[in-house]
Amino acid sequence: MLVKKIKLEDDSWYNLKLDVPKFAGSVFDNRFILTIVVSRSWVPKELGVNNDTRLIGIRIGEISFIK
């Protein structure tokens, strides 16, 4: 079930809040799956950012859960 679709169009930092419906979690363990799909990627070393050679699509700084 798609809860929300967000399009990030530049290199800015975003603070995003996703409201997860109560029925999305399992009745037994109250867990859900967050899937991130990217259409383009980059390598930090190729851009001179640092020596990281991993193929990166998005950088997530912090995930927090608020009731």
N, C-alpha and C. Protein backbone atom coordinates (compact mmCIF):
# COMPACT_ATOMS: atom_id res chain seq x y z
N MET A 1 0.84 -1.17 0.00
CA MET A 1 0.00 0.00 0.00
C MET A 1 0.89 1.24 0.00
N LEU A 2 0.73 2.10 -0.93
CA LEU A 2 1.48 3.35 -1.00
C LEU A 2 0.83 4.37 -0.06
N VAL A 3 1.61 4.86 0.90
CA VAL A 3 1.10 5.84 1.85
C VAL A 3 1.35 7.25 1.34
N LYS A 4 2.55 7.49 0.81
CA LYS A 4 2.88 8.82 0.33
C LYS A 4 4.02 8.72 -0.68
N LYS A 5 3.98 9.57 -1.70
CA LYS A 5 5.04 9.65 -2.70
C LYS A 5 5.62 11.05 -2.62
N ILE A 6 6.95 11.13 -2.49
CA ILE A 6 7.63 12.42 -2.35
C ILE A 6 8.69 12.52 -3.43
N LYS A 7 8.73 13.64 -4.13
CA LYS A 7 9.72 13.85 -5.18
C LYS A 7 10.73 14.89 -4.69
N LEU A 8 12.00 14.48 -4.61
CA LEU A 8 13.08 15.38 -4.22
C LEU A 8 13.78 15.83 -5.49
N GLU A 9 13.72 17.12 -5.78
CA GLU A 9 14.19 17.60 -7.08
C GLU A 9 15.51 18.36 -7.05
N ASP A 10 16.11 18.53 -5.90
CA ASP A 10 17.38 19.25 -5.86
C ASP A 10 18.27 18.64 -4.79
N ASP A 11 19.37 19.30 -4.47
CA ASP A 11 20.32 18.75 -3.51
C ASP A 11 20.14 19.33 -2.11
N SER A 12 18.95 19.82 -1.81
CA SER A 12 18.68 20.40 -0.49
C SER A 12 18.38 19.30 0.52
N TRP A 13 18.51 19.65 1.80
CA TRP A 13 18.08 18.76 2.88
C TRP A 13 16.58 18.95 3.06
N TYR A 14 15.88 17.87 3.28
CA TYR A 14 14.43 17.90 3.50
C TYR A 14 14.12 17.30 4.86
N ASN A 15 13.19 17.88 5.58
CA ASN A 15 12.64 17.29 6.78
C ASN A 15 11.25 16.80 6.41
N LEU A 16 11.07 15.50 6.39
CA LEU A 16 9.82 14.93 5.96
C LEU A 16 9.13 14.23 7.11
N LYS A 17 7.82 14.34 7.16
CA LYS A 17 7.02 13.65 8.16
C LYS A 17 6.00 12.79 7.44
N LEU A 18 6.02 11.51 7.72
CA LEU A 18 5.08 10.58 7.11
C LEU A 18 4.14 10.06 8.18
N ASP A 19 2.86 10.22 7.96
CA ASP A 19 1.87 9.66 8.87
C ASP A 19 1.55 8.25 8.40
N VAL A 20 1.87 7.27 9.23
CA VAL A 20 1.64 5.87 8.88
C VAL A 20 0.28 5.46 9.45
N PRO A 21 -0.62 5.00 8.59
CA PRO A 21 -1.93 4.58 9.09
C PRO A 21 -1.80 3.46 10.11
N LYS A 22 -2.68 3.43 11.10
CA LYS A 22 -2.62 2.41 12.15
C LYS A 22 -2.71 1.01 11.59
N PHE A 23 -3.47 0.80 10.53
CA PHE A 23 -3.63 -0.54 9.99
C PHE A 23 -2.43 -1.01 9.17
N ALA A 24 -1.44 -0.15 8.94
CA ALA A 24 -0.26 -0.53 8.14
C ALA A 24 0.66 -1.47 8.90
N GLY A 25 0.69 -1.37 10.23
CA GLY A 25 1.53 -2.25 11.05
C GLY A 25 0.86 -3.58 11.27
N SER A 26 1.67 -4.59 11.50
CA SER A 26 1.14 -5.92 11.79
C SER A 26 0.40 -5.91 13.13
N VAL A 27 -0.60 -6.70 13.25
CA VAL A 27 -1.35 -6.81 14.50
C VAL A 27 -0.46 -7.34 15.61
N PHE A 28 0.53 -8.17 15.26
CA PHE A 28 1.37 -8.82 16.26
C PHE A 28 2.60 -8.02 16.66
N ASP A 29 3.26 -7.36 15.73
CA ASP A 29 4.52 -6.70 16.06
C ASP A 29 4.57 -5.21 15.75
N ASN A 30 3.52 -4.66 15.16
CA ASN A 30 3.43 -3.22 14.90
C ASN A 30 4.61 -2.69 14.08
N ARG A 31 5.05 -3.46 13.09
CA ARG A 31 6.15 -3.04 12.21
C ARG A 31 5.61 -2.70 10.82
N PHE A 32 6.40 -1.92 10.08
CA PHE A 32 6.06 -1.62 8.70
C PHE A 32 7.36 -1.54 7.91
N ILE A 33 7.26 -1.53 6.59
CA ILE A 33 8.42 -1.46 5.72
C ILE A 33 8.43 -0.12 5.00
N LEU A 34 9.58 0.55 5.05
CA LEU A 34 9.79 1.80 4.33
C LEU A 34 10.65 1.48 3.12
N THR A 35 10.14 1.75 1.93
CA THR A 35 10.88 1.49 0.69
C THR A 35 11.21 2.81 0.02
N ILE A 36 12.49 2.98 -0.33
CA ILE A 36 12.94 4.19 -1.01
C ILE A 36 13.43 3.78 -2.39
N VAL A 37 12.87 4.39 -3.43
CA VAL A 37 13.24 4.09 -4.81
C VAL A 37 13.80 5.36 -5.42
N VAL A 38 14.97 5.25 -6.05
CA VAL A 38 15.59 6.42 -6.68
C VAL A 38 15.73 6.19 -8.18
N SER A 39 15.67 7.28 -8.94
CA SER A 39 15.78 7.16 -10.39
C SER A 39 17.16 7.54 -10.91
N ARG A 40 18.00 8.08 -10.04
CA ARG A 40 19.37 8.39 -10.45
C ARG A 40 20.27 8.25 -9.22
N SER A 41 21.54 8.02 -9.46
CA SER A 41 22.49 7.84 -8.37
C SER A 41 23.79 8.57 -8.69
N TRP A 42 24.68 8.60 -7.71
CA TRP A 42 25.95 9.30 -7.88
C TRP A 42 27.01 8.66 -7.00
N VAL A 43 28.28 8.93 -7.32
CA VAL A 43 29.41 8.41 -6.56
C VAL A 43 30.16 9.61 -5.98
N PRO A 44 30.23 9.74 -4.64
CA PRO A 44 30.88 10.90 -4.03
C PRO A 44 32.31 11.15 -4.52
N LYS A 45 33.09 10.09 -4.71
CA LYS A 45 34.48 10.25 -5.15
C LYS A 45 34.57 10.90 -6.53
N GLU A 46 33.64 10.52 -7.42
CA GLU A 46 33.66 11.09 -8.79
C GLU A 46 33.34 12.58 -8.79
N LEU A 47 32.62 13.04 -7.78
CA LEU A 47 32.28 14.47 -7.69
C LEU A 47 33.25 15.24 -6.79
N GLY A 48 34.26 14.54 -6.25
CA GLY A 48 35.25 15.20 -5.41
C GLY A 48 34.76 15.52 -4.01
N VAL A 49 33.67 14.87 -3.58
CA VAL A 49 33.13 15.12 -2.24
C VAL A 49 34.00 14.46 -1.18
N ASN A 50 34.33 13.18 -1.37
CA ASN A 50 35.22 12.43 -0.50
C ASN A 50 35.69 11.19 -1.26
N ASN A 51 36.32 10.24 -0.58
CA ASN A 51 36.86 9.05 -1.26
C ASN A 51 35.88 7.88 -1.30
N ASP A 52 34.65 8.10 -0.98
CA ASP A 52 33.63 7.06 -0.98
C ASP A 52 33.29 6.67 -2.41
N THR A 53 33.46 5.39 -2.75
CA THR A 53 33.21 4.92 -4.12
C THR A 53 31.86 4.21 -4.26
N ARG A 54 31.04 4.24 -3.21
CA ARG A 54 29.73 3.60 -3.29
C ARG A 54 28.78 4.38 -4.19
N LEU A 55 27.90 3.66 -4.84
CA LEU A 55 26.85 4.26 -5.66
C LEU A 55 25.71 4.66 -4.71
N ILE A 56 25.44 5.95 -4.59
CA ILE A 56 24.48 6.46 -3.63
C ILE A 56 23.28 7.05 -4.36
N GLY A 57 22.08 6.78 -3.85
CA GLY A 57 20.88 7.33 -4.44
C GLY A 57 20.29 8.43 -3.58
N ILE A 58 20.34 8.26 -2.28
CA ILE A 58 19.78 9.23 -1.35
C ILE A 58 20.51 9.07 -0.02
N ARG A 59 20.63 10.14 0.71
CA ARG A 59 21.27 10.08 2.02
C ARG A 59 20.23 10.40 3.07
N ILE A 60 20.11 9.52 4.04
CA ILE A 60 19.16 9.71 5.13
C ILE A 60 19.95 10.06 6.37
N GLY A 61 19.66 11.25 6.92
CA GLY A 61 20.41 11.71 8.08
C GLY A 61 19.88 11.18 9.40
N GLU A 62 18.58 11.11 9.56
CA GLU A 62 18.02 10.68 10.83
C GLU A 62 16.58 10.20 10.62
N ILE A 63 16.25 9.12 11.28
CA ILE A 63 14.86 8.63 11.29
C ILE A 63 14.40 8.63 12.73
N SER A 64 13.25 9.23 12.99
CA SER A 64 12.70 9.22 14.35
C SER A 64 11.21 8.89 14.28
N PHE A 65 10.73 8.31 15.35
CA PHE A 65 9.33 7.92 15.43
C PHE A 65 8.66 8.74 16.52
N ILE A 66 7.57 9.40 16.18
CA ILE A 66 6.85 10.27 17.10
C ILE A 66 5.42 9.76 17.23
N LYS A 67 4.96 9.62 18.45
CA LYS A 67 3.56 9.20 18.65
C LYS A 67 2.65 10.37 18.68
